[in-house]
Amino acid sequence: AIGVAAFTVGVVAGQTVNGVVLDRVGYGPAGVVGVTIGRLAGALLVVAAVVVSLVGEGAASVPVWLLVLPLLAGAGIAWQQATNGRLRNEVGSPLTATLVNFAGGTALLAAAAAVELAIAGPPQLPSEPWLYVGGAIGVVYIFLSAALVRHTGVLQLGLGSVVGLLGASVVIDALFPGHAGPPIEVALIAVVVAVVGVVVATVPRWRRR
């Protein structure tokens, strides 16, 4: 509805802002990480990228709640990464966090599928095999994030994945445009602003000694 690039920038903004908060309160496995000028400026730049991504034809026709959902999803991802890291510290292995995530997700999806099956009947499954790769990629992503977050902190782990996320989202939008959302030029500007925010937030000279 809003395009991959706009959706991804919204997720990144939510993830970045909540990453700063979770690091500051010490919820992540790395403990309390102070809010420096660089981290704050970087987070604000990533949020500004969301505003940029909403400029252009199609954005005005999208309901506000549809624009807020990616922000909430990103905030949830940051919390998930911090929680997975804490669990990894307690049990000594990222495999446990990965198992818990996907066991819980499978149970919820199975319940939702049962309701859908009772109401609408059996679905028509897509035949394209690449559509089923997402689950396997998700397992790898959760495993790596649970293993790395105790070394990087919540914010830096999130920002470390931003460049790949945003770059891929622009390519996908260029190849398969969404029904709405900003033009590809505007999406590219939003990606550049977000990447600058990532660099500002992670450059070593801004860190508190």
Protein backbone atom coordinates (compact mmCIF):
# COMPACT_ATOMS: atom_id res chain seq x y z
CA ALA A 1 0.00 0.00 0.00
CA ILE A 2 2.80 2.48 0.75
CA GLY A 3 5.71 0.86 -1.07
CA VAL A 4 8.67 -1.13 0.25
CA ALA A 5 10.98 1.88 0.65
CA ALA A 6 8.54 3.98 2.69
CA PHE A 7 7.63 0.96 4.81
CA THR A 8 11.28 0.10 5.45
CA VAL A 9 12.23 3.67 6.37
CA GLY A 10 9.34 3.70 8.87
CA VAL A 11 10.51 0.42 10.41
CA VAL A 12 14.07 1.75 10.62
CA ALA A 13 12.91 4.93 12.36
CA GLY A 14 10.94 3.02 14.98
CA GLN A 15 13.82 0.62 15.49
CA THR A 16 16.35 3.44 15.83
CA VAL A 17 14.39 5.57 18.29
CA ASN A 18 13.48 2.62 20.51
CA GLY A 19 17.06 1.37 20.25
CA VAL A 20 18.28 4.63 21.78
CA VAL A 21 15.71 4.32 24.58
CA LEU A 22 16.44 0.66 25.34
CA ASP A 23 20.19 1.26 25.38
CA ARG A 24 19.78 4.27 27.68
CA VAL A 25 17.65 2.40 30.26
CA GLY A 26 19.98 -0.60 30.10
CA TYR A 27 17.40 -3.11 28.91
CA GLY A 28 19.74 -4.61 26.31
CA PRO A 29 22.38 -7.19 27.21
CA ALA A 30 25.16 -4.64 26.73
CA GLY A 31 23.92 -2.66 29.75
CA VAL A 32 23.38 1.09 29.97
CA VAL A 33 24.66 2.98 26.91
CA GLY A 34 24.63 6.77 27.25
CA VAL A 35 22.82 9.06 24.82
CA THR A 36 25.59 10.94 22.98
CA ILE A 37 25.22 13.81 20.54
CA GLY A 38 25.98 11.50 17.64
CA ARG A 39 23.46 8.83 18.64
CA LEU A 40 20.73 11.44 19.18
CA ALA A 41 21.50 13.29 15.93
CA GLY A 42 21.61 10.03 14.00
CA ALA A 43 18.25 8.93 15.37
CA LEU A 44 16.70 12.31 14.47
CA LEU A 45 18.06 12.06 10.93
CA VAL A 46 16.54 8.62 10.50
CA VAL A 47 13.18 9.97 11.71
CA ALA A 48 13.56 12.85 9.24
CA ALA A 49 13.98 10.24 6.50
CA VAL A 50 10.48 9.00 7.31
CA VAL A 51 9.08 12.47 6.73
CA VAL A 52 10.92 12.68 3.41
CA SER A 53 9.60 9.28 2.34
CA LEU A 54 6.02 10.46 2.81
CA VAL A 55 6.42 13.26 0.24
CA GLY A 56 5.01 12.69 -3.21
CA GLU A 57 1.96 11.34 -4.96
CA GLY A 58 0.15 8.53 -3.23
CA ALA A 59 1.36 9.23 0.30
CA ALA A 60 -1.55 11.58 1.06
CA SER A 61 -4.09 8.92 0.15
CA VAL A 62 -2.70 6.39 2.62
CA PRO A 63 -4.47 6.25 6.02
CA VAL A 64 -2.43 7.60 8.93
CA TRP A 65 -2.61 4.32 10.83
CA LEU A 66 -1.03 2.58 7.85
CA LEU A 67 1.94 4.96 8.12
CA VAL A 68 2.23 4.51 11.91
CA LEU A 69 2.27 0.69 11.77
CA PRO A 70 5.85 0.47 10.36
CA LEU A 71 7.06 2.75 13.18
CA LEU A 72 5.48 0.47 15.79
CA ALA A 73 6.87 -2.61 14.04
CA GLY A 74 10.38 -1.13 14.12
CA ALA A 75 10.07 -0.33 17.83
CA GLY A 76 8.98 -3.93 18.39
CA ILE A 77 12.00 -5.24 16.48
CA ALA A 78 14.36 -3.27 18.73
CA TRP A 79 12.66 -4.70 21.83
CA GLN A 80 12.81 -8.20 20.32
CA GLN A 81 16.54 -7.91 19.65
CA ALA A 82 17.23 -6.69 23.19
CA THR A 83 15.12 -9.47 24.71
CA ASN A 84 16.77 -12.12 22.54
CA GLY A 85 20.18 -10.85 23.63
CA ARG A 86 19.22 -11.04 27.31
CA LEU A 87 17.97 -14.60 26.83
CA ARG A 88 21.17 -15.50 25.00
CA ASN A 89 23.19 -14.20 27.94
CA GLU A 90 21.16 -16.26 30.41
CA VAL A 91 21.33 -19.59 28.57
CA GLY A 92 24.63 -19.11 26.74
CA SER A 93 23.33 -19.84 23.23
CA PRO A 94 21.45 -17.85 20.56
CA LEU A 95 19.71 -21.07 19.48
CA THR A 96 17.32 -20.88 22.44
CA ALA A 97 16.19 -17.36 21.54
CA THR A 98 15.69 -18.44 17.93
CA LEU A 99 13.64 -21.47 19.00
CA VAL A 100 11.45 -19.42 21.36
CA ASN A 101 10.78 -16.79 18.67
CA PHE A 102 9.73 -19.24 16.01
CA ALA A 103 7.84 -21.59 18.32
CA GLY A 104 5.76 -18.65 19.54
CA GLY A 105 5.32 -17.27 16.03
CA THR A 106 4.27 -20.66 14.67
CA ALA A 107 1.71 -21.12 17.44
CA LEU A 108 0.14 -17.71 16.80
CA LEU A 109 0.09 -18.23 13.03
CA ALA A 110 -1.44 -21.67 13.42
CA ALA A 111 -4.24 -20.20 15.56
CA ALA A 112 -4.85 -17.42 13.03
CA ALA A 113 -4.81 -19.94 10.17
CA ALA A 114 -7.37 -22.08 11.97
CA VAL A 115 -9.74 -19.10 12.28
CA GLU A 116 -9.19 -18.15 8.64
CA LEU A 117 -9.78 -21.75 7.57
CA ALA A 118 -13.06 -21.91 9.49
CA ILE A 119 -14.31 -18.61 8.08
CA ALA A 120 -13.00 -18.49 4.50
CA GLY A 121 -12.02 -22.08 3.78
CA PRO A 122 -8.65 -23.38 2.57
CA PRO A 123 -6.38 -20.79 0.94
CA GLN A 124 -4.85 -21.03 -2.50
CA LEU A 125 -1.12 -21.29 -1.85
CA PRO A 126 1.19 -19.45 -4.25
CA SER A 127 3.27 -21.57 -6.59
CA GLU A 128 6.37 -19.34 -6.69
CA PRO A 129 9.01 -21.12 -4.55
CA TRP A 130 10.89 -17.93 -3.67
CA LEU A 131 7.90 -16.71 -1.65
CA TYR A 132 8.67 -19.40 0.94
CA VAL A 133 12.29 -18.34 1.52
CA GLY A 134 11.34 -15.60 3.99
CA GLY A 135 10.96 -17.99 6.92
CA ALA A 136 14.42 -19.47 6.46
CA ILE A 137 15.95 -16.00 6.17
CA GLY A 138 14.10 -15.01 9.34
CA VAL A 139 15.66 -17.88 11.28
CA VAL A 140 19.15 -16.74 10.25
CA TYR A 141 18.36 -13.12 11.10
CA ILE A 142 17.02 -13.89 14.59
CA PHE A 143 19.96 -16.20 15.31
CA LEU A 144 22.55 -13.60 14.29
CA SER A 145 20.83 -10.72 16.10
CA ALA A 146 20.63 -12.72 19.33
CA ALA A 147 24.33 -13.56 19.05
CA LEU A 148 25.53 -10.05 18.15
CA VAL A 149 23.40 -7.68 20.24
CA ARG A 150 25.39 -8.22 23.45
CA HIS A 151 28.50 -6.99 21.64
CA THR A 152 26.98 -4.08 19.69
CA GLY A 153 24.08 -2.84 21.79
CA VAL A 154 20.52 -2.54 20.53
CA LEU A 155 20.99 0.69 18.54
CA GLN A 156 24.16 -0.28 16.69
CA LEU A 157 22.81 -3.71 15.80
CA GLY A 158 19.70 -2.10 14.35
CA LEU A 159 21.67 0.52 12.46
CA GLY A 160 24.08 -2.10 11.17
CA SER A 161 21.25 -3.75 9.24
CA VAL A 162 19.75 -0.48 8.02
CA VAL A 163 21.99 0.06 5.00
CA GLY A 164 21.16 -3.32 3.51
CA LEU A 165 17.46 -2.97 4.32
CA LEU A 166 17.08 0.45 2.76
CA GLY A 167 19.24 -0.27 -0.26
CA ALA A 168 17.30 -3.44 -1.05
CA SER A 169 13.95 -1.71 -0.49
CA VAL A 170 14.71 0.93 -3.13
CA VAL A 171 15.74 -1.75 -5.61
CA ILE A 172 12.55 -3.72 -4.93
CA ASP A 173 10.39 -0.60 -5.31
CA ALA A 174 12.12 0.20 -8.60
CA LEU A 175 11.51 -3.31 -9.95
CA PHE A 176 8.06 -3.88 -8.43
CA PRO A 177 6.40 -0.50 -7.66
CA GLY A 178 3.73 -0.48 -4.97
CA HIS A 179 0.17 0.82 -5.41
CA ALA A 180 1.03 3.97 -3.46
CA GLY A 181 3.94 5.66 -1.77
CA PRO A 182 6.57 8.20 -2.86
CA PRO A 183 8.26 8.26 -6.27
CA ILE A 184 11.51 6.32 -6.48
CA GLU A 185 13.52 9.57 -6.49
CA VAL A 186 11.97 10.66 -3.19
CA ALA A 187 12.46 7.19 -1.71
CA LEU A 188 16.14 7.32 -2.70
CA ILE A 189 16.56 10.70 -0.97
CA ALA A 190 14.94 9.26 2.16
CA VAL A 191 17.36 6.33 2.07
CA VAL A 192 20.35 8.67 1.75
CA VAL A 193 19.15 10.74 4.73
CA ALA A 194 18.66 7.57 6.80
CA VAL A 195 22.12 6.22 5.88
CA VAL A 196 23.69 9.55 6.89
CA GLY A 197 21.90 9.18 10.22
CA VAL A 198 23.38 5.71 10.62
CA VAL A 199 26.89 7.02 9.98
CA VAL A 200 26.45 9.93 12.40
CA ALA A 201 25.14 7.62 15.13
CA THR A 202 27.98 5.10 14.84
CA VAL A 203 31.07 7.16 14.02
CA PRO A 204 33.59 6.57 16.85
CA ARG A 205 34.47 10.22 17.56
CA TRP A 206 30.95 10.87 18.88
CA ARG A 207 31.10 8.12 21.47
CA ARG A 208 31.39 8.94 25.13
CA ARG A 209 34.75 7.84 26.52
